[in-house]
N, C-alpha and C. Protein backbone atom coordinates (compact mmCIF):
# COMPACT_ATOMS: atom_id res chain seq x y z
N UNK A 1 61.39 228.42 99.47
CA UNK A 1 61.21 226.78 100.53
C UNK A 1 62.14 226.32 101.67
N UNK A 2 61.96 226.41 102.67
CA UNK A 2 63.27 227.17 103.56
C UNK A 2 63.63 225.08 104.06
N UNK A 3 65.19 225.12 103.70
CA UNK A 3 65.65 223.29 103.82
C UNK A 3 66.79 223.62 104.82
N UNK A 4 66.67 222.40 106.00
CA UNK A 4 67.06 222.72 107.18
C UNK A 4 67.91 221.25 106.92
N UNK A 5 69.07 221.05 108.07
CA UNK A 5 69.85 219.88 108.21
C UNK A 5 69.14 219.33 109.19
N UNK A 6 69.37 217.87 109.34
CA UNK A 6 68.51 217.15 110.75
C UNK A 6 69.90 216.82 111.45
N UNK A 7 69.48 217.62 112.72
CA UNK A 7 71.13 217.26 113.50
C UNK A 7 70.64 215.77 114.70
N UNK A 8 71.32 215.17 114.62
CA UNK A 8 71.46 213.66 115.79
C UNK A 8 71.10 214.13 116.74
N UNK A 9 70.46 213.46 117.81
CA UNK A 9 69.41 213.69 119.00
C UNK A 9 70.63 213.39 119.77
N UNK A 10 71.74 212.25 119.74
CA UNK A 10 72.40 211.88 120.69
C UNK A 10 73.43 212.72 120.48
N UNK A 11 74.59 213.08 119.26
CA UNK A 11 76.20 213.69 119.48
C UNK A 11 75.39 214.98 119.28
N UNK A 12 74.67 215.40 118.22
CA UNK A 12 74.53 216.67 118.26
C UNK A 12 75.21 217.14 116.32
N UNK A 13 75.60 215.64 116.04
CA UNK A 13 76.13 216.35 114.57
C UNK A 13 75.19 216.40 113.37
N UNK A 14 75.37 217.27 112.26
CA UNK A 14 73.82 217.20 111.36
C UNK A 14 74.46 215.43 110.75
N UNK A 15 73.58 215.14 110.59
CA UNK A 15 73.12 213.70 109.67
C UNK A 15 72.92 214.05 108.44
N UNK A 16 72.66 213.39 107.40
CA UNK A 16 73.10 213.18 105.67
C UNK A 16 71.47 213.55 105.54
N UNK A 17 70.50 213.52 106.08
CA UNK A 17 69.15 213.91 105.88
C UNK A 17 68.51 215.63 106.19
N UNK A 18 67.96 215.83 104.81
CA UNK A 18 67.60 217.43 105.00
C UNK A 18 66.24 217.34 105.04
N UNK A 19 65.20 218.37 105.75
CA UNK A 19 63.95 218.38 105.83
C UNK A 19 63.60 219.92 105.14
N UNK A 20 62.21 219.64 104.82
CA UNK A 20 61.73 221.46 104.27
C UNK A 20 60.66 221.38 105.37
N UNK A 21 59.85 222.71 104.96
CA UNK A 21 59.13 223.13 105.49
C UNK A 21 57.78 221.98 105.62
N UNK A 22 57.41 221.75 104.37
CA UNK A 22 56.64 221.06 104.29
C UNK A 22 56.67 219.07 104.37
N UNK A 23 57.54 218.93 104.84
CA UNK A 23 57.77 217.32 105.33
C UNK A 23 57.37 217.10 106.83
N UNK A 24 56.65 215.66 106.63
CA UNK A 24 55.72 215.23 107.91
C UNK A 24 56.82 214.14 108.06
N UNK A 25 56.99 214.24 109.66
CA UNK A 25 57.97 212.88 109.82
C UNK A 25 57.04 212.14 111.46
N UNK A 26 56.78 210.96 110.92
CA UNK A 26 55.80 210.00 111.58
C UNK A 26 56.56 208.69 111.89
N UNK A 27 57.01 208.38 112.96
CA UNK A 27 58.04 207.29 113.52
C UNK A 27 58.69 206.95 112.43
N UNK A 28 59.70 207.89 112.71
CA UNK A 28 60.39 207.97 111.84
C UNK A 28 61.69 207.75 113.14
N UNK A 29 62.60 206.57 112.65
CA UNK A 29 63.87 206.27 113.35
C UNK A 29 65.17 207.46 113.07
N UNK A 30 65.72 207.81 113.74
CA UNK A 30 66.83 208.92 113.24
C UNK A 30 68.05 208.30 114.11
N UNK A 31 69.21 207.87 113.21
CA UNK A 31 70.52 207.67 114.34
C UNK A 31 71.46 208.49 113.11
N UNK A 32 72.57 208.62 114.11
CA UNK A 32 74.10 208.88 113.73
C UNK A 32 74.47 207.72 112.92
N UNK A 33 75.10 208.71 111.82
CA UNK A 33 75.70 208.13 110.55
C UNK A 33 77.28 207.32 111.18
N UNK A 34 77.70 208.15 112.41
CA UNK A 34 79.24 207.93 112.97
C UNK A 34 79.32 206.24 113.71
């Protein structure tokens, strides 16, 4: 199973979240921790 880090859409830095191939994101608010 492939797992990838999620990157912030604003600054491009890696967030604390990881996503698997079978993960579905629906209406998920993503923001940078910094």
